[in-house]
Amino acid sequence: MNEESTNNVQQSFFIALNLFNKHKWYEAHDAFEEIWNSVDGDERQVIQGILQVSVSQFHLSKGNLNGATILLGEGLGRIKTRTNINLGVDLDSFCLCLENLLRKLQYEETLNEKDRPFLKPL
């Protein structure tokens, strides 16, 4: 990737990150999908995991607990073995948050605002 495309991906990632952290799940999905199409390897897997988490939260917001649980588990599975990838966010704390949320969904526990996934910049 040349420097211009790297800068474009970084700018797109920042936009997608903000959408995600503002709980604009559908818009975040679209923004991360653009990035997903321009990266490969482990970065692509992590971005796909974040995409799946976005879609899971969209499903959750629509009351689709089963769809949310499945996609959250798939997204977490893609990310947790690749937390060494530097995307400028704390993937370790993100995975801890996702694991807690997944457990709550699986046991149908009450969710609160603190349970929403958040991508913390490094």
PDB file of N, CA and C in Angstrom:
ATOM      1  N   MET A   1       0.838  -1.168   0.000  1.00  0.00           N
ATOM      2  CA  MET A   1       0.000   0.000   0.000  1.00  0.00           C
ATOM      3  C   MET A   1       0.890   1.240   0.000  1.00  0.00           C
ATOM      4  N   ASN A   2       0.568   2.210  -0.864  1.00  0.00           N
ATOM      5  CA  ASN A   2       1.373   3.426  -0.875  1.00  0.00           C
ATOM      6  C   ASN A   2       0.952   4.361   0.263  1.00  0.00           C
ATOM      7  N   GLU A   3       1.722   5.421   0.448  1.00  0.00           N
ATOM      8  CA  GLU A   3       1.482   6.315   1.589  1.00  0.00           C
ATOM      9  C   GLU A   3       0.108   6.968   1.517  1.00  0.00           C
ATOM     10  N   GLU A   4      -0.314   7.351   0.312  1.00  0.00           N
ATOM     11  CA  GLU A   4      -1.630   7.988   0.171  1.00  0.00           C
ATOM     12  C   GLU A   4      -2.746   7.023   0.560  1.00  0.00           C
ATOM     13  N   SER A   5      -2.661   5.765   0.085  1.00  0.00           N
ATOM     14  CA  SER A   5      -3.718   4.826   0.469  1.00  0.00           C
ATOM     15  C   SER A   5      -3.675   4.501   1.939  1.00  0.00           C
ATOM     16  N   THR A   6      -2.473   4.453   2.539  1.00  0.00           N
ATOM     17  CA  THR A   6      -2.369   4.227   3.976  1.00  0.00           C
ATOM     18  C   THR A   6      -3.053   5.366   4.739  1.00  0.00           C
ATOM     19  N   ASN A   7      -2.811   6.606   4.315  1.00  0.00           N
ATOM     20  CA  ASN A   7      -3.453   7.762   4.962  1.00  0.00           C
ATOM     21  C   ASN A   7      -4.966   7.720   4.792  1.00  0.00           C
ATOM     22  N   ASN A   8      -5.439   7.320   3.611  1.00  0.00           N
ATOM     23  CA  ASN A   8      -6.882   7.217   3.370  1.00  0.00           C
ATOM     24  C   ASN A   8      -7.515   6.162   4.272  1.00  0.00           C
ATOM     25  N   VAL A   9      -6.831   5.017   4.425  1.00  0.00           N
ATOM     26  CA  VAL A   9      -7.346   3.956   5.294  1.00  0.00           C
ATOM     27  C   VAL A   9      -7.371   4.453   6.743  1.00  0.00           C
ATOM     28  N   GLN A  10      -6.319   5.157   7.165  1.00  0.00           N
ATOM     29  CA  GLN A  10      -6.276   5.671   8.541  1.00  0.00           C
ATOM     30  C   GLN A  10      -7.403   6.679   8.785  1.00  0.00           C
ATOM     31  N   GLN A  11      -7.635   7.550   7.814  1.00  0.00           N
ATOM     32  CA  GLN A  11      -8.715   8.531   7.936  1.00  0.00           C
ATOM     33  C   GLN A  11     -10.073   7.820   7.965  1.00  0.00           C
ATOM     34  N   SER A  12     -10.257   6.842   7.095  1.00  0.00           N
ATOM     35  CA  SER A  12     -11.503   6.073   7.067  1.00  0.00           C
ATOM     36  C   SER A  12     -11.703   5.316   8.371  1.00  0.00           C
ATOM     37  N   PHE A  13     -10.611   4.778   8.931  1.00  0.00           N
ATOM     38  CA  PHE A  13     -10.695   4.047  10.189  1.00  0.00           C
ATOM     39  C   PHE A  13     -11.142   4.965  11.314  1.00  0.00           C
ATOM     40  N   PHE A  14     -10.608   6.184  11.353  1.00  0.00           N
ATOM     41  CA  PHE A  14     -10.980   7.146  12.383  1.00  0.00           C
ATOM     42  C   PHE A  14     -12.471   7.474  12.286  1.00  0.00           C
ATOM     43  N   ILE A  15     -12.967   7.654  11.087  1.00  0.00           N
ATOM     44  CA  ILE A  15     -14.403   7.929  10.872  1.00  0.00           C
ATOM     45  C   ILE A  15     -15.237   6.731  11.338  1.00  0.00           C
ATOM     46  N   ALA A  16     -14.838   5.527  10.931  1.00  0.00           N
ATOM     47  CA  ALA A  16     -15.565   4.306  11.310  1.00  0.00           C
ATOM     48  C   ALA A  16     -15.548   4.123  12.825  1.00  0.00           C
ATOM     49  N   LEU A  17     -14.406   4.375  13.440  1.00  0.00           N
ATOM     50  CA  LEU A  17     -14.252   4.256  14.887  1.00  0.00           C
ATOM     51  C   LEU A  17     -15.222   5.193  15.614  1.00  0.00           C
ATOM     52  N   ASN A  18     -15.312   6.419  15.158  1.00  0.00           N
ATOM     53  CA  ASN A  18     -16.224   7.385  15.779  1.00  0.00           C
ATOM     54  C   ASN A  18     -17.682   6.955  15.626  1.00  0.00           C
ATOM     55  N   LEU A  19     -18.041   6.450  14.464  1.00  0.00           N
ATOM     56  CA  LEU A  19     -19.412   5.965  14.258  1.00  0.00           C
ATOM     57  C   LEU A  19     -19.710   4.810  15.216  1.00  0.00           C
ATOM     58  N   PHE A  20     -18.761   3.895  15.336  1.00  0.00           N
ATOM     59  CA  PHE A  20     -18.919   2.745  16.225  1.00  0.00           C
ATOM     60  C   PHE A  20     -19.116   3.209  17.664  1.00  0.00           C
ATOM     61  N   ASN A  21     -18.248   4.098  18.113  1.00  0.00           N
ATOM     62  CA  ASN A  21     -18.297   4.553  19.506  1.00  0.00           C
ATOM     63  C   ASN A  21     -19.505   5.442  19.798  1.00  0.00           C
ATOM     64  N   LYS A  22     -20.148   5.960  18.759  1.00  0.00           N
ATOM     65  CA  LYS A  22     -21.392   6.730  18.932  1.00  0.00           C
ATOM     66  C   LYS A  22     -22.614   5.822  18.786  1.00  0.00           C
ATOM     67  N   HIS A  23     -22.361   4.512  18.681  1.00  0.00           N
ATOM     68  CA  HIS A  23     -23.415   3.492  18.572  1.00  0.00           C
ATOM     69  C   HIS A  23     -24.254   3.644  17.307  1.00  0.00           C
ATOM     70  N   LYS A  24     -23.630   4.153  16.264  1.00  0.00           N
ATOM     71  CA  LYS A  24     -24.284   4.220  14.948  1.00  0.00           C
ATOM     72  C   LYS A  24     -23.865   2.953  14.202  1.00  0.00           C
ATOM     73  N   TRP A  25     -24.476   1.852  14.620  1.00  0.00           N
ATOM     74  CA  TRP A  25     -24.028   0.516  14.209  1.00  0.00           C
ATOM     75  C   TRP A  25     -24.089   0.296  12.708  1.00  0.00           C
ATOM     76  N   TYR A  26     -25.175   0.676  12.082  1.00  0.00           N
ATOM     77  CA  TYR A  26     -25.323   0.426  10.645  1.00  0.00           C
ATOM     78  C   TYR A  26     -24.297   1.238   9.856  1.00  0.00           C
ATOM     79  N   GLU A  27     -24.157   2.510  10.224  1.00  0.00           N
ATOM     80  CA  GLU A  27     -23.193   3.386   9.545  1.00  0.00           C
ATOM     81  C   GLU A  27     -21.754   2.915   9.794  1.00  0.00           C
ATOM     82  N   ALA A  28     -21.489   2.460  11.018  1.00  0.00           N
ATOM     83  CA  ALA A  28     -20.148   1.947  11.335  1.00  0.00           C
ATOM     84  C   ALA A  28     -19.848   0.707  10.497  1.00  0.00           C
ATOM     85  N   HIS A  29     -20.840  -0.152  10.351  1.00  0.00           N
ATOM     86  CA  HIS A  29     -20.674  -1.348   9.513  1.00  0.00           C
ATOM     87  C   HIS A  29     -20.259  -0.949   8.101  1.00  0.00           C
ATOM     88  N   ASP A  30     -20.980   0.000   7.517  1.00  0.00           N
ATOM     89  CA  ASP A  30     -20.661   0.442   6.152  1.00  0.00           C
ATOM     90  C   ASP A  30     -19.254   1.025   6.068  1.00  0.00           C
ATOM     91  N   ALA A  31     -18.884   1.830   7.067  1.00  0.00           N
ATOM     92  CA  ALA A  31     -17.559   2.460   7.063  1.00  0.00           C
ATOM     93  C   ALA A  31     -16.455   1.411   7.221  1.00  0.00           C
ATOM     94  N   PHE A  32     -16.650   0.452   8.114  1.00  0.00           N
ATOM     95  CA  PHE A  32     -15.640  -0.599   8.283  1.00  0.00           C
ATOM     96  C   PHE A  32     -15.583  -1.518   7.059  1.00  0.00           C
ATOM     97  N   GLU A  33     -16.699  -1.688   6.388  1.00  0.00           N
ATOM     98  CA  GLU A  33     -16.698  -2.542   5.198  1.00  0.00           C
ATOM     99  C   GLU A  33     -15.808  -1.958   4.101  1.00  0.00           C
ATOM    100  N   GLU A  34     -15.818  -0.633   3.963  1.00  0.00           N
ATOM    101  CA  GLU A  34     -14.935   0.018   2.978  1.00  0.00           C
ATOM    102  C   GLU A  34     -13.469  -0.278   3.309  1.00  0.00           C
ATOM    103  N   ILE A  35     -13.123  -0.220   4.578  1.00  0.00           N
ATOM    104  CA  ILE A  35     -11.756  -0.495   5.014  1.00  0.00           C
ATOM    105  C   ILE A  35     -11.436  -1.970   4.782  1.00  0.00           C
ATOM    106  N   TRP A  36     -12.372  -2.833   5.150  1.00  0.00           N
ATOM    107  CA  TRP A  36     -12.205  -4.283   5.001  1.00  0.00           C
ATOM    108  C   TRP A  36     -11.846  -4.645   3.559  1.00  0.00           C
ATOM    109  N   ASN A  37     -12.429  -3.932   2.615  1.00  0.00           N
ATOM    110  CA  ASN A  37     -12.160  -4.198   1.196  1.00  0.00           C
ATOM    111  C   ASN A  37     -10.771  -3.762   0.755  1.00  0.00           C
ATOM    112  N   SER A  38     -10.078  -2.962   1.591  1.00  0.00           N
ATOM    113  CA  SER A  38      -8.778  -2.438   1.166  1.00  0.00           C
ATOM    114  C   SER A  38      -7.596  -2.992   1.961  1.00  0.00           C
ATOM    115  N   VAL A  39      -7.854  -3.913   2.892  1.00  0.00           N
ATOM    116  CA  VAL A  39      -6.764  -4.496   3.679  1.00  0.00           C
ATOM    117  C   VAL A  39      -6.759  -6.012   3.512  1.00  0.00           C
ATOM    118  N   ASP A  40      -5.684  -6.644   4.003  1.00  0.00           N
ATOM    119  CA  ASP A  40      -5.622  -8.110   3.896  1.00  0.00           C
ATOM    120  C   ASP A  40      -4.981  -8.698   5.148  1.00  0.00           C
ATOM    121  N   GLY A  41      -4.870  -9.999   5.157  1.00  0.00           N
ATOM    122  CA  GLY A  41      -4.213 -10.699   6.264  1.00  0.00           C
ATOM    123  C   GLY A  41      -4.954 -10.538   7.580  1.00  0.00           C
ATOM    124  N   ASP A  42      -4.167 -10.455   8.665  1.00  0.00           N
ATOM    125  CA  ASP A  42      -4.752 -10.345  10.001  1.00  0.00           C
ATOM    126  C   ASP A  42      -5.534  -9.048  10.190  1.00  0.00           C
ATOM    127  N   GLU A  43      -5.078  -7.968   9.564  1.00  0.00           N
ATOM    128  CA  GLU A  43      -5.828  -6.708   9.654  1.00  0.00           C
ATOM    129  C   GLU A  43      -7.236  -6.902   9.113  1.00  0.00           C
ATOM    130  N   ARG A  44      -7.335  -7.593   7.994  1.00  0.00           N
ATOM    131  CA  ARG A  44      -8.643  -7.851   7.384  1.00  0.00           C
ATOM    132  C   ARG A  44      -9.530  -8.669   8.324  1.00  0.00           C
ATOM    133  N   GLN A  45      -8.944  -9.646   9.002  1.00  0.00           N
ATOM    134  CA  GLN A  45      -9.700 -10.475   9.941  1.00  0.00           C
ATOM    135  C   GLN A  45     -10.208  -9.652  11.122  1.00  0.00           C
ATOM    136  N   VAL A  46      -9.380  -8.770  11.653  1.00  0.00           N
ATOM    137  CA  VAL A  46      -9.787  -7.925  12.776  1.00  0.00           C
ATOM    138  C   VAL A  46     -10.904  -6.974  12.342  1.00  0.00           C
ATOM    139  N   ILE A  47     -10.735  -6.359  11.186  1.00  0.00           N
ATOM    140  CA  ILE A  47     -11.774  -5.448  10.681  1.00  0.00           C
ATOM    141  C   ILE A  47     -13.082  -6.217  10.471  1.00  0.00           C
ATOM    142  N   GLN A  48     -12.991  -7.427   9.941  1.00  0.00           N
ATOM    143  CA  GLN A  48     -14.195  -8.234   9.754  1.00  0.00           C
ATOM    144  C   GLN A  48     -14.842  -8.534  11.114  1.00  0.00           C
ATOM    145  N   GLY A  49     -14.026  -8.802  12.120  1.00  0.00           N
ATOM    146  CA  GLY A  49     -14.553  -9.028  13.463  1.00  0.00           C
ATOM    147  C   GLY A  49     -15.286  -7.808  13.996  1.00  0.00           C
ATOM    148  N   ILE A  50     -14.709  -6.636  13.797  1.00  0.00           N
ATOM    149  CA  ILE A  50     -15.360  -5.396  14.247  1.00  0.00           C
ATOM    150  C   ILE A  50     -16.663  -5.190  13.473  1.00  0.00           C
ATOM    151  N   LEU A  51     -16.626  -5.491  12.179  1.00  0.00           N
ATOM    152  CA  LEU A  51     -17.852  -5.436  11.352  1.00  0.00           C
ATOM    153  C   LEU A  51     -18.940  -6.324  11.940  1.00  0.00           C
ATOM    154  N   GLN A  52     -18.576  -7.538  12.301  1.00  0.00           N
ATOM    155  CA  GLN A  52     -19.545  -8.478  12.855  1.00  0.00           C
ATOM    156  C   GLN A  52     -20.085  -7.977  14.193  1.00  0.00           C
ATOM    157  N   VAL A  53     -19.243  -7.345  14.992  1.00  0.00           N
ATOM    158  CA  VAL A  53     -19.706  -6.779  16.254  1.00  0.00           C
ATOM    159  C   VAL A  53     -20.697  -5.647  15.978  1.00  0.00           C
ATOM    160  N   SER A  54     -20.412  -4.812  14.984  1.00  0.00           N
ATOM    161  CA  SER A  54     -21.339  -3.731  14.609  1.00  0.00           C
ATOM    162  C   SER A  54     -22.703  -4.294  14.229  1.00  0.00           C
ATOM    163  N   VAL A  55     -22.685  -5.321  13.396  1.00  0.00           N
ATOM    164  CA  VAL A  55     -23.947  -5.927  12.955  1.00  0.00           C
ATOM    165  C   VAL A  55     -24.656  -6.579  14.139  1.00  0.00           C
ATOM    166  N   SER A  56     -23.890  -7.185  15.043  1.00  0.00           N
ATOM    167  CA  SER A  56     -24.515  -7.808  16.221  1.00  0.00           C
ATOM    168  C   SER A  56     -25.240  -6.758  17.049  1.00  0.00           C
ATOM    169  N   GLN A  57     -24.639  -5.592  17.184  1.00  0.00           N
ATOM    170  CA  GLN A  57     -25.270  -4.531  17.976  1.00  0.00           C
ATOM    171  C   GLN A  57     -26.492  -3.962  17.262  1.00  0.00           C
ATOM    172  N   PHE A  58     -26.438  -3.929  15.939  1.00  0.00           N
ATOM    173  CA  PHE A  58     -27.613  -3.501  15.167  1.00  0.00           C
ATOM    174  C   PHE A  58     -28.756  -4.493  15.406  1.00  0.00           C
ATOM    175  N   HIS A  59     -28.446  -5.798  15.334  1.00  0.00           N
ATOM    176  CA  HIS A  59     -29.464  -6.826  15.614  1.00  0.00           C
ATOM    177  C   HIS A  59     -30.019  -6.674  17.031  1.00  0.00           C
ATOM    178  N   LEU A  60     -29.126  -6.445  17.987  1.00  0.00           N
ATOM    179  CA  LEU A  60     -29.553  -6.290  19.371  1.00  0.00           C
ATOM    180  C   LEU A  60     -30.500  -5.100  19.516  1.00  0.00           C
ATOM    181  N   SER A  61     -30.201  -4.012  18.820  1.00  0.00           N
ATOM    182  CA  SER A  61     -31.045  -2.815  18.904  1.00  0.00           C
ATOM    183  C   SER A  61     -32.434  -3.068  18.310  1.00  0.00           C
ATOM    184  N   LYS A  62     -32.538  -4.077  17.459  1.00  0.00           N
ATOM    185  CA  LYS A  62     -33.823  -4.435  16.839  1.00  0.00           C
ATOM    186  C   LYS A  62     -34.503  -5.595  17.568  1.00  0.00           C
ATOM    187  N   GLY A  63     -33.885  -6.060  18.674  1.00  0.00           N
ATOM    188  CA  GLY A  63     -34.486  -7.127  19.463  1.00  0.00           C
ATOM    189  C   GLY A  63     -34.165  -8.536  18.997  1.00  0.00           C
ATOM    190  N   ASN A  64     -33.218  -8.681  18.064  1.00  0.00           N
ATOM    191  CA  ASN A  64     -32.835 -10.007  17.569  1.00  0.00           C
ATOM    192  C   ASN A  64     -31.686 -10.545  18.421  1.00  0.00           C
ATOM    193  N   LEU A  65     -32.035 -11.120  19.565  1.00  0.00           N
ATOM    194  CA  LEU A  65     -31.039 -11.615  20.515  1.00  0.00           C
ATOM    195  C   LEU A  65     -30.198 -12.743  19.928  1.00  0.00           C
ATOM    196  N   ASN A  66     -30.823 -13.664  19.219  1.00  0.00           N
ATOM    197  CA  ASN A  66     -30.097 -14.799  18.635  1.00  0.00           C
ATOM    198  C   ASN A  66     -29.068 -14.326  17.606  1.00  0.00           C
ATOM    199  N   GLY A  67     -29.486 -13.490  16.684  1.00  0.00           N
ATOM    200  CA  GLY A  67     -28.568 -12.964  15.663  1.00  0.00           C
ATOM    201  C   GLY A  67     -27.431 -12.172  16.288  1.00  0.00           C
ATOM    202  N   ALA A  68     -27.772 -11.383  17.308  1.00  0.00           N
ATOM    203  CA  ALA A  68     -26.756 -10.576  17.990  1.00  0.00           C
ATOM    204  C   ALA A  68     -25.726 -11.471  18.668  1.00  0.00           C
ATOM    205  N   THR A  69     -26.186 -12.517  19.322  1.00  0.00           N
ATOM    206  CA  THR A  69     -25.291 -13.419  20.047  1.00  0.00           C
ATOM    207  C   THR A  69     -24.352 -14.153  19.093  1.00  0.00           C
ATOM    208  N   ILE A  70     -24.904 -14.665  18.003  1.00  0.00           N
ATOM    209  CA  ILE A  70     -24.099 -15.408  17.023  1.00  0.00           C
ATOM    210  C   ILE A  70     -23.016 -14.517  16.414  1.00  0.00           C
ATOM    211  N   LEU A  71     -23.411 -13.335  15.933  1.00  0.00           N
ATOM    212  CA  LEU A  71     -22.436 -12.447  15.288  1.00  0.00           C
ATOM    213  C   LEU A  71     -21.406 -11.906  16.271  1.00  0.00           C
ATOM    214  N   LEU A  72     -21.833 -11.652  17.496  1.00  0.00           N
ATOM    215  CA  LEU A  72     -20.881 -11.181  18.501  1.00  0.00           C
ATOM    216  C   LEU A  72     -19.825 -12.247  18.763  1.00  0.00           C
ATOM    217  N   GLY A  73     -20.258 -13.502  18.890  1.00  0.00           N
ATOM    218  CA  GLY A  73     -19.314 -14.601  19.106  1.00  0.00           C
ATOM    219  C   GLY A  73     -18.353 -14.769  17.946  1.00  0.00           C
ATOM    220  N   GLU A  74     -18.868 -14.654  16.722  1.00  0.00           N
ATOM    221  CA  GLU A  74     -17.997 -14.778  15.544  1.00  0.00           C
ATOM    222  C   GLU A  74     -17.002 -13.633  15.476  1.00  0.00           C
ATOM    223  N   GLY A  75     -17.463 -12.420  15.747  1.00  0.00           N
ATOM    224  CA  GLY A  75     -16.571 -11.257  15.717  1.00  0.00           C
ATOM    225  C   GLY A  75     -15.485 -11.359  16.769  1.00  0.00           C
ATOM    226  N   LEU A  76     -15.875 -11.723  17.978  1.00  0.00           N
ATOM    227  CA  LEU A  76     -14.913 -11.895  19.063  1.00  0.00           C
ATOM    228  C   LEU A  76     -13.882 -12.961  18.698  1.00  0.00           C
ATOM    229  N   GLY A  77     -14.331 -14.053  18.119  1.00  0.00           N
ATOM    230  CA  GLY A  77     -13.421 -15.127  17.722  1.00  0.00           C
ATOM    231  C   GLY A  77     -12.362 -14.665  16.728  1.00  0.00           C
ATOM    232  N   ARG A  78     -12.741 -13.784  15.815  1.00  0.00           N
ATOM    233  CA  ARG A  78     -11.776 -13.271  14.832  1.00  0.00           C
ATOM    234  C   ARG A  78     -10.766 -12.325  15.472  1.00  0.00           C
ATOM    235  N   ILE A  79     -11.213 -11.552  16.447  1.00  0.00           N
ATOM    236  CA  ILE A  79     -10.355 -10.517  17.027  1.00  0.00           C
ATOM    237  C   ILE A  79      -9.436 -11.059  18.116  1.00  0.00           C
ATOM    238  N   LYS A  80      -9.944 -11.944  18.991  1.00  0.00           N
ATOM    239  CA  LYS A  80      -9.195 -12.283  20.206  1.00  0.00           C
ATOM    240  C   LYS A  80      -7.888 -13.019  19.954  1.00  0.00           C
ATOM    241  N   THR A  81      -7.719 -13.623  18.803  1.00  0.00           N
ATOM    242  CA  THR A  81      -6.444 -14.282  18.496  1.00  0.00           C
ATOM    243  C   THR A  81      -5.500 -13.351  17.739  1.00  0.00           C
ATOM    244  N   ARG A  82      -5.938 -12.102  17.543  1.00  0.00           N
ATOM    245  CA  ARG A  82      -5.136 -11.149  16.767  1.00  0.00           C
ATOM    246  C   ARG A  82      -4.994  -9.800  17.485  1.00  0.00           C
ATOM    247  N   THR A  83      -4.990  -9.814  18.810  1.00  0.00           N
ATOM    248  CA  THR A  83      -4.932  -8.545  19.550  1.00  0.00           C
ATOM    249  C   THR A  83      -3.574  -7.854  19.416  1.00  0.00           C
ATOM    250  N   ASN A  84      -2.608  -8.541  18.822  1.00  0.00           N
ATOM    251  CA  ASN A  84      -1.292  -7.937  18.600  1.00  0.00           C
ATOM    252  C   ASN A  84      -1.275  -7.012  17.375  1.00  0.00           C
ATOM    253  N   ILE A  85      -2.334  -7.024  16.596  1.00  0.00           N
ATOM    254  CA  ILE A  85      -2.411  -6.161  15.409  1.00  0.00           C
ATOM    255  C   ILE A  85      -2.613  -4.721  15.870  1.00  0.00           C
ATOM    256  N   ASN A  86      -1.783  -3.816  15.370  1.00  0.00           N
ATOM    257  CA  ASN A  86      -1.862  -2.417  15.788  1.00  0.00           C
ATOM    258  C   ASN A  86      -2.747  -1.629  14.827  1.00  0.00           C
ATOM    259  N   LEU A  87      -3.974  -1.398  15.257  1.00  0.00           N
ATOM    260  CA  LEU A  87      -4.891  -0.555  14.485  1.00  0.00           C
ATOM    261  C   LEU A  87      -5.103   0.783  15.195  1.00  0.00           C
ATOM    262  N   GLY A  88      -4.354   1.003  16.269  1.00  0.00           N
ATOM    263  CA  GLY A  88      -4.502   2.240  17.019  1.00  0.00           C
ATOM    264  C   GLY A  88      -5.602   2.190  18.064  1.00  0.00           C
ATOM    265  N   VAL A  89      -6.120   0.975  18.319  1.00  0.00           N
ATOM    266  CA  VAL A  89      -7.136   0.796  19.364  1.00  0.00           C
ATOM    267  C   VAL A  89      -6.709  -0.336  20.291  1.00  0.00           C
ATOM    268  N   ASP A  90      -7.228  -0.308  21.508  1.00  0.00           N
ATOM    269  CA  ASP A  90      -6.904  -1.311  22.502  1.00  0.00           C
ATOM    270  C   ASP A  90      -7.776  -2.547  22.281  1.00  0.00           C
ATOM    271  N   LEU A  91      -7.257  -3.483  21.512  1.00  0.00           N
ATOM    272  CA  LEU A  91      -8.022  -4.685  21.186  1.00  0.00           C
ATOM    273  C   LEU A  91      -8.176  -5.618  22.382  1.00  0.00           C
ATOM    274  N   ASP A  92      -7.231  -5.595  23.324  1.00  0.00           N
ATOM    275  CA  ASP A  92      -7.351  -6.434  24.521  1.00  0.00           C
ATOM    276  C   ASP A  92      -8.562  -6.020  25.357  1.00  0.00           C
ATOM    277  N   SER A  93      -8.692  -4.723  25.632  1.00  0.00           N
ATOM    278  CA  SER A  93      -9.834  -4.270  26.436  1.00  0.00           C
ATOM    279  C   SER A  93     -11.140  -4.440  25.656  1.00  0.00           C
ATOM    280  N   PHE A  94     -11.078  -4.294  24.347  1.00  0.00           N
ATOM    281  CA  PHE A  94     -12.256  -4.506  23.504  1.00  0.00           C
ATOM    282  C   PHE A  94     -12.735  -5.954  23.636  1.00  0.00           C
ATOM    283  N   CYS A  95     -11.812  -6.893  23.579  1.00  0.00           N
ATOM    284  CA  CYS A  95     -12.177  -8.311  23.701  1.00  0.00           C
ATOM    285  C   CYS A  95     -12.761  -8.623  25.077  1.00  0.00           C
ATOM    286  N   LEU A  96     -12.214  -8.026  26.128  1.00  0.00           N
ATOM    287  CA  LEU A  96     -12.774  -8.233  27.471  1.00  0.00           C
ATOM    288  C   LEU A  96     -14.215  -7.739  27.530  1.00  0.00           C
ATOM    289  N   CYS A  97     -14.458  -6.585  26.941  1.00  0.00           N
ATOM    290  CA  CYS A  97     -15.804  -6.020  26.887  1.00  0.00           C
ATOM    291  C   CYS A  97     -16.739  -6.953  26.113  1.00  0.00           C
ATOM    292  N   LEU A  98     -16.258  -7.470  24.976  1.00  0.00           N
ATOM    293  CA  LEU A  98     -17.074  -8.366  24.150  1.00  0.00           C
ATOM    294  C   LEU A  98     -17.359  -9.676  24.864  1.00  0.00           C
ATOM    295  N   GLU A  99     -16.366 -10.206  25.574  1.00  0.00           N
ATOM    296  CA  GLU A  99     -16.569 -11.461  26.314  1.00  0.00           C
ATOM    297  C   GLU A  99     -17.634 -11.290  27.392  1.00  0.00           C
ATOM    298  N   ASN A 100     -17.606 -10.161  28.090  1.00  0.00           N
ATOM    299  CA  ASN A 100     -18.600  -9.874  29.119  1.00  0.00           C
ATOM    300  C   ASN A 100     -19.991  -9.742  28.491  1.00  0.00           C
ATOM    301  N   LEU A 101     -20.068  -9.011  27.390  1.00  0.00           N
ATOM    302  CA  LEU A 101     -21.348  -8.828  26.704  1.00  0.00           C
ATOM    303  C   LEU A 101     -21.886 -10.164  26.188  1.00  0.00           C
ATOM    304  N   LEU A 102     -21.020 -10.974  25.614  1.00  0.00           N
ATOM    305  CA  LEU A 102     -21.437 -12.276  25.084  1.00  0.00           C
ATOM    306  C   LEU A 102     -22.000 -13.157  26.209  1.00  0.00           C
ATOM    307  N   ARG A 103     -21.322 -13.160  27.329  1.00  0.00           N
ATOM    308  CA  ARG A 103     -21.809 -13.937  28.479  1.00  0.00           C
ATOM    309  C   ARG A 103     -23.195 -13.460  28.900  1.00  0.00           C
ATOM    310  N   LYS A 104     -23.367 -12.147  28.969  1.00  0.00           N
ATOM    311  CA  LYS A 104     -24.670 -11.597  29.370  1.00  0.00           C
ATOM    312  C   LYS A 104     -25.760 -11.971  28.367  1.00  0.00           C
ATOM    313  N   LEU A 105     -25.424 -11.940  27.084  1.00  0.00           N
ATOM    314  CA  LEU A 105     -26.407 -12.314  26.065  1.00  0.00           C
ATOM    315  C   LEU A 105     -26.756 -13.794  26.168  1.00  0.00           C
ATOM    316  N   GLN A 106     -25.743 -14.621  26.356  1.00  0.00           N
ATOM    317  CA  GLN A 106     -25.974 -16.065  26.430  1.00  0.00           C
ATOM    318  C   GLN A 106     -26.833 -16.443  27.639  1.00  0.00           C
ATOM    319  N   TYR A 107     -26.671 -15.727  28.743  1.00  0.00           N
ATOM    320  CA  TYR A 107     -27.439 -16.025  29.952  1.00  0.00           C
ATOM    321  C   TYR A 107     -28.660 -15.118  30.107  1.00  0.00           C
ATOM    322  N   GLU A 108     -28.917 -14.331  29.035  1.00  0.00           N
ATOM    323  CA  GLU A 108     -30.072 -13.422  28.988  1.00  0.00           C
ATOM    324  C   GLU A 108     -30.138 -12.522  30.218  1.00  0.00           C
ATOM    325  N   GLU A 109     -28.968 -12.006  30.587  1.00  0.00           N
ATOM    326  CA  GLU A 109     -28.896 -11.063  31.699  1.00  0.00           C
ATOM    327  C   GLU A 109     -29.274  -9.669  31.209  1.00  0.00           C
ATOM    328  N   THR A 110     -29.678  -8.829  32.134  1.00  0.00           N
ATOM    329  CA  THR A 110     -30.049  -7.462  31.798  1.00  0.00           C
ATOM    330  C   THR A 110     -28.802  -6.688  31.364  1.00  0.00           C
ATOM    331  N   LEU A 111     -28.938  -5.961  30.270  1.00  0.00           N
ATOM    332  CA  LEU A 111     -27.829  -5.148  29.758  1.00  0.00           C
ATOM    333  C   LEU A 111     -28.023  -3.702  30.195  1.00  0.00           C
ATOM    334  N   ASN A 112     -26.902  -2.997  30.328  1.00  0.00           N
ATOM    335  CA  ASN A 112     -26.978  -1.561  30.587  1.00  0.00           C
ATOM    336  C   ASN A 112     -26.034  -0.824  29.649  1.00  0.00           C
ATOM    337  N   GLU A 113     -26.014   0.474  29.749  1.00  0.00           N
ATOM    338  CA  GLU A 113     -25.219   1.324  28.852  1.00  0.00           C
ATOM    339  C   GLU A 113     -23.735   0.931  28.839  1.00  0.00           C
ATOM    340  N   LYS A 114     -23.204   0.507  29.987  1.00  0.00           N
ATOM    341  CA  LYS A 114     -21.786   0.151  30.087  1.00  0.00           C
ATOM    342  C   LYS A 114     -21.449  -1.117  29.299  1.00  0.00           C
ATOM    343  N   ASP A 115     -22.460  -1.888  28.927  1.00  0.00           N
ATOM    344  CA  ASP A 115     -22.223  -3.135  28.195  1.00  0.00           C
ATOM    345  C   ASP A 115     -22.001  -2.920  26.700  1.00  0.00           C
ATOM    346  N   ARG A 116     -22.277  -1.723  26.217  1.00  0.00           N
ATOM    347  CA  ARG A 116     -22.096  -1.467  24.781  1.00  0.00           C
ATOM    348  C   ARG A 116     -20.613  -1.484  24.436  1.00  0.00           C
ATOM    349  N   PRO A 117     -20.264  -2.158  23.356  1.00  0.00           N
ATOM    350  CA  PRO A 117     -18.845  -2.219  22.965  1.00  0.00           C
ATOM    351  C   PRO A 117     -18.293  -0.829  22.649  1.00  0.00           C
ATOM    352  N   PHE A 118     -17.040  -0.650  22.984  1.00  0.00           N
ATOM    353  CA  PHE A 118     -16.358   0.617  22.765  1.00  0.00           C
ATOM    354  C   PHE A 118     -14.933   0.332  22.318  1.00  0.00           C
ATOM    355  N   LEU A 119     -14.503   1.010  21.273  1.00  0.00           N
ATOM    356  CA  LEU A 119     -13.128   0.872  20.765  1.00  0.00           C
ATOM    357  C   LEU A 119     -12.300   2.017  21.315  1.00  0.00           C
ATOM    358  N   LYS A 120     -11.464   1.704  22.313  1.00  0.00           N
ATOM    359  CA  LYS A 120     -10.666   2.734  22.979  1.00  0.00           C
ATOM    360  C   LYS A 120      -9.372   2.969  22.203  1.00  0.00           C
ATOM    361  N   PRO A 121      -9.140   4.212  21.756  1.00  0.00           N
ATOM    362  CA  PRO A 121      -7.879   4.508  21.073  1.00  0.00           C
ATOM    363  C   PRO A 121      -6.687   4.287  22.004  1.00  0.00           C
ATOM    364  N   LEU A 122      -5.556   3.885  21.415  1.00  0.00           N
ATOM    365  CA  LEU A 122      -4.335   3.691  22.219  1.00  0.00           C
ATOM    366  C   LEU A 122      -3.719   5.024  22.578  1.00  0.00           C
TER     367      LEU A 122
END
